[in-house]
Amino acid sequence: MKKQFPDIKQKKKDCLGECKLCSKQCVVKVGKTNVVCAVSADKLYEELLGLIG
């Protein structure tokens, strides 16, 4: 994602504080409040691409 979209700020954190969600699926926080979830890393990547473009 960093190589494909270098202008977008990205920060990796070990914990997002979403225990109920991330124990069952892949989770990413977009902005301060939006949480995006998917059943796999590939599906999560597709969801993020949809948000970007």
N, C-alpha and C. Protein backbone atom coordinates (compact mmCIF):
# COMPACT_ATOMS: atom_id res chain seq x y z
N MET A 1 0.81 -1.17 0.00
CA MET A 1 0.00 0.00 0.00
C MET A 1 0.87 1.25 0.00
N LYS A 2 1.97 1.23 0.76
CA LYS A 2 2.86 2.40 0.80
C LYS A 2 3.45 2.71 -0.56
N LYS A 3 3.83 1.67 -1.30
CA LYS A 3 4.43 1.89 -2.62
C LYS A 3 3.39 2.39 -3.61
N GLN A 4 2.17 1.87 -3.52
CA GLN A 4 1.13 2.24 -4.48
C GLN A 4 0.55 3.63 -4.20
N PHE A 5 0.49 4.02 -2.91
CA PHE A 5 -0.09 5.31 -2.52
C PHE A 5 0.85 6.03 -1.56
N PRO A 6 1.98 6.54 -2.04
CA PRO A 6 2.97 7.16 -1.15
C PRO A 6 2.50 8.45 -0.49
N ASP A 7 1.49 9.12 -1.05
CA ASP A 7 1.02 10.40 -0.50
C ASP A 7 0.09 10.23 0.70
N ILE A 8 -0.42 9.03 0.91
CA ILE A 8 -1.34 8.79 2.01
C ILE A 8 -0.55 8.49 3.28
N LYS A 9 -0.89 9.20 4.36
CA LYS A 9 -0.21 8.96 5.63
C LYS A 9 -0.64 7.60 6.18
N GLN A 10 0.34 6.81 6.60
CA GLN A 10 0.07 5.49 7.15
C GLN A 10 0.88 5.31 8.42
N LYS A 11 0.25 4.72 9.40
CA LYS A 11 0.92 4.46 10.66
C LYS A 11 0.53 3.06 11.12
N LYS A 12 1.50 2.25 11.48
CA LYS A 12 1.23 0.90 11.95
C LYS A 12 1.24 0.88 13.47
N LYS A 13 0.21 0.28 14.04
CA LYS A 13 0.12 0.14 15.49
C LYS A 13 -0.14 -1.33 15.82
N ASP A 14 0.36 -1.77 16.95
CA ASP A 14 0.12 -3.14 17.37
C ASP A 14 -1.30 -3.33 17.88
N CYS A 15 -1.90 -2.30 18.47
CA CYS A 15 -3.23 -2.44 19.06
C CYS A 15 -4.10 -1.25 18.67
N LEU A 16 -5.30 -1.55 18.18
CA LEU A 16 -6.25 -0.50 17.83
C LEU A 16 -7.33 -0.33 18.88
N GLY A 17 -7.31 -1.17 19.90
CA GLY A 17 -8.34 -1.09 20.94
C GLY A 17 -9.68 -1.63 20.49
N GLU A 18 -9.67 -2.52 19.52
CA GLU A 18 -10.89 -3.12 18.99
C GLU A 18 -10.87 -4.63 19.22
N CYS A 19 -10.70 -5.05 20.45
CA CYS A 19 -10.49 -6.46 20.78
C CYS A 19 -11.56 -7.40 20.24
N LYS A 20 -12.79 -7.00 20.35
CA LYS A 20 -13.88 -7.88 19.88
C LYS A 20 -13.82 -8.08 18.38
N LEU A 21 -13.37 -7.08 17.65
CA LEU A 21 -13.29 -7.19 16.20
C LEU A 21 -12.03 -7.91 15.73
N CYS A 22 -10.88 -7.51 16.24
CA CYS A 22 -9.63 -8.01 15.68
C CYS A 22 -9.30 -9.44 16.11
N SER A 23 -10.00 -9.97 17.09
CA SER A 23 -9.77 -11.36 17.45
C SER A 23 -10.41 -12.30 16.43
N LYS A 24 -11.32 -11.76 15.59
CA LYS A 24 -12.05 -12.59 14.63
C LYS A 24 -11.76 -12.27 13.18
N GLN A 25 -11.20 -11.09 12.91
CA GLN A 25 -10.96 -10.68 11.53
C GLN A 25 -9.87 -9.62 11.44
N CYS A 26 -9.51 -9.26 10.23
CA CYS A 26 -8.49 -8.23 10.01
C CYS A 26 -9.16 -6.86 10.14
N VAL A 27 -8.48 -5.95 10.84
CA VAL A 27 -9.07 -4.65 11.16
C VAL A 27 -8.07 -3.54 10.85
N VAL A 28 -8.57 -2.44 10.32
CA VAL A 28 -7.76 -1.24 10.13
C VAL A 28 -8.61 -0.03 10.53
N LYS A 29 -7.98 0.94 11.13
CA LYS A 29 -8.66 2.17 11.51
C LYS A 29 -8.32 3.23 10.48
N VAL A 30 -9.34 3.87 9.93
CA VAL A 30 -9.17 4.92 8.93
C VAL A 30 -9.62 6.21 9.58
N GLY A 31 -8.71 7.14 9.72
CA GLY A 31 -9.04 8.37 10.44
C GLY A 31 -9.07 8.07 11.93
N LYS A 32 -9.81 8.89 12.65
CA LYS A 32 -9.86 8.70 14.10
C LYS A 32 -10.99 7.79 14.54
N THR A 33 -12.04 7.65 13.72
CA THR A 33 -13.20 6.89 14.18
C THR A 33 -13.63 5.75 13.27
N ASN A 34 -13.31 5.77 12.00
CA ASN A 34 -13.77 4.74 11.06
C ASN A 34 -12.95 3.47 11.17
N VAL A 35 -13.62 2.34 11.32
CA VAL A 35 -12.97 1.04 11.41
C VAL A 35 -13.44 0.20 10.23
N VAL A 36 -12.49 -0.39 9.50
CA VAL A 36 -12.80 -1.25 8.37
C VAL A 36 -12.35 -2.66 8.73
N CYS A 37 -13.24 -3.65 8.51
CA CYS A 37 -12.95 -5.05 8.85
C CYS A 37 -13.15 -5.93 7.63
N ALA A 38 -12.41 -7.03 7.59
CA ALA A 38 -12.56 -8.03 6.54
C ALA A 38 -12.09 -9.38 7.07
N VAL A 39 -12.52 -10.45 6.41
CA VAL A 39 -12.21 -11.80 6.88
C VAL A 39 -10.76 -12.21 6.60
N SER A 40 -10.10 -11.51 5.66
CA SER A 40 -8.70 -11.83 5.35
C SER A 40 -7.95 -10.55 5.00
N ALA A 41 -6.64 -10.64 5.01
CA ALA A 41 -5.81 -9.48 4.66
C ALA A 41 -6.05 -9.04 3.22
N ASP A 42 -6.24 -10.00 2.32
CA ASP A 42 -6.50 -9.67 0.92
C ASP A 42 -7.83 -8.93 0.76
N LYS A 43 -8.85 -9.38 1.47
CA LYS A 43 -10.16 -8.72 1.41
C LYS A 43 -10.08 -7.32 2.03
N LEU A 44 -9.31 -7.19 3.09
CA LEU A 44 -9.13 -5.88 3.73
C LEU A 44 -8.44 -4.92 2.76
N TYR A 45 -7.44 -5.40 2.06
CA TYR A 45 -6.74 -4.59 1.06
C TYR A 45 -7.71 -4.12 -0.02
N GLU A 46 -8.61 -5.01 -0.47
CA GLU A 46 -9.61 -4.65 -1.47
C GLU A 46 -10.55 -3.57 -0.93
N GLU A 47 -10.95 -3.71 0.33
CA GLU A 47 -11.82 -2.70 0.95
C GLU A 47 -11.12 -1.34 0.99
N LEU A 48 -9.85 -1.35 1.36
CA LEU A 48 -9.10 -0.09 1.42
C LEU A 48 -8.94 0.54 0.04
N LEU A 49 -8.69 -0.28 -0.96
CA LEU A 49 -8.60 0.25 -2.32
C LEU A 49 -9.92 0.90 -2.74
N GLY A 50 -11.04 0.30 -2.34
CA GLY A 50 -12.35 0.88 -2.64
C GLY A 50 -12.54 2.24 -1.97
N LEU A 51 -12.03 2.39 -0.76
CA LEU A 51 -12.14 3.67 -0.08
C LEU A 51 -11.27 4.75 -0.73
N ILE A 52 -10.11 4.35 -1.19
CA ILE A 52 -9.16 5.30 -1.78
C ILE A 52 -9.61 5.75 -3.16
N GLY A 53 -10.05 4.79 -3.94
CA GLY A 53 -10.23 5.13 -5.31
C GLY A 53 -11.54 5.03 -5.90
